[in-house]
């Protein structure tokens, strides 16, 4: 199960909607070994595409160095799908190289912002996708 604060949930959704019609992407880092998402890190989609996301390699290197210096790890790796449901594509599964991370997908197919959108979380290990419950709390 993924547990995250309402503030982090809102930040991820806001980033996904702000970057629409392109896919948004980012990381939520947390203290190493805790599994607790704390630090929201929106990233630039270097692909600038409505159907594909790619972290900028220099930004990603900088982030990993920063997390290492702060004794953090990526707890959530998130991105949006702009025209399809919030379910990992084959490409998403190929990119899932953090076995301890929660992979969050937000569908922004509802572009008017008034209807439902999807916020779903998965564990992706060795190509296997397992959806998990998402629990939103006010604070830890």
Foldseek 3Di string as FASTA:
>chain_A
DAEAAPVLVVVQVVQQLVLPLAKWWFFFKDAPPPLYGDRTGTADQPVSHSADGDGDPVVVVVVVVVCVVVNIDGAEIEMEHEQDAFDDDQVNLVPPPPQNHKYWYKYCVVNVPPDDIDIWIWGRDPNDTDTDDYHYHNHD
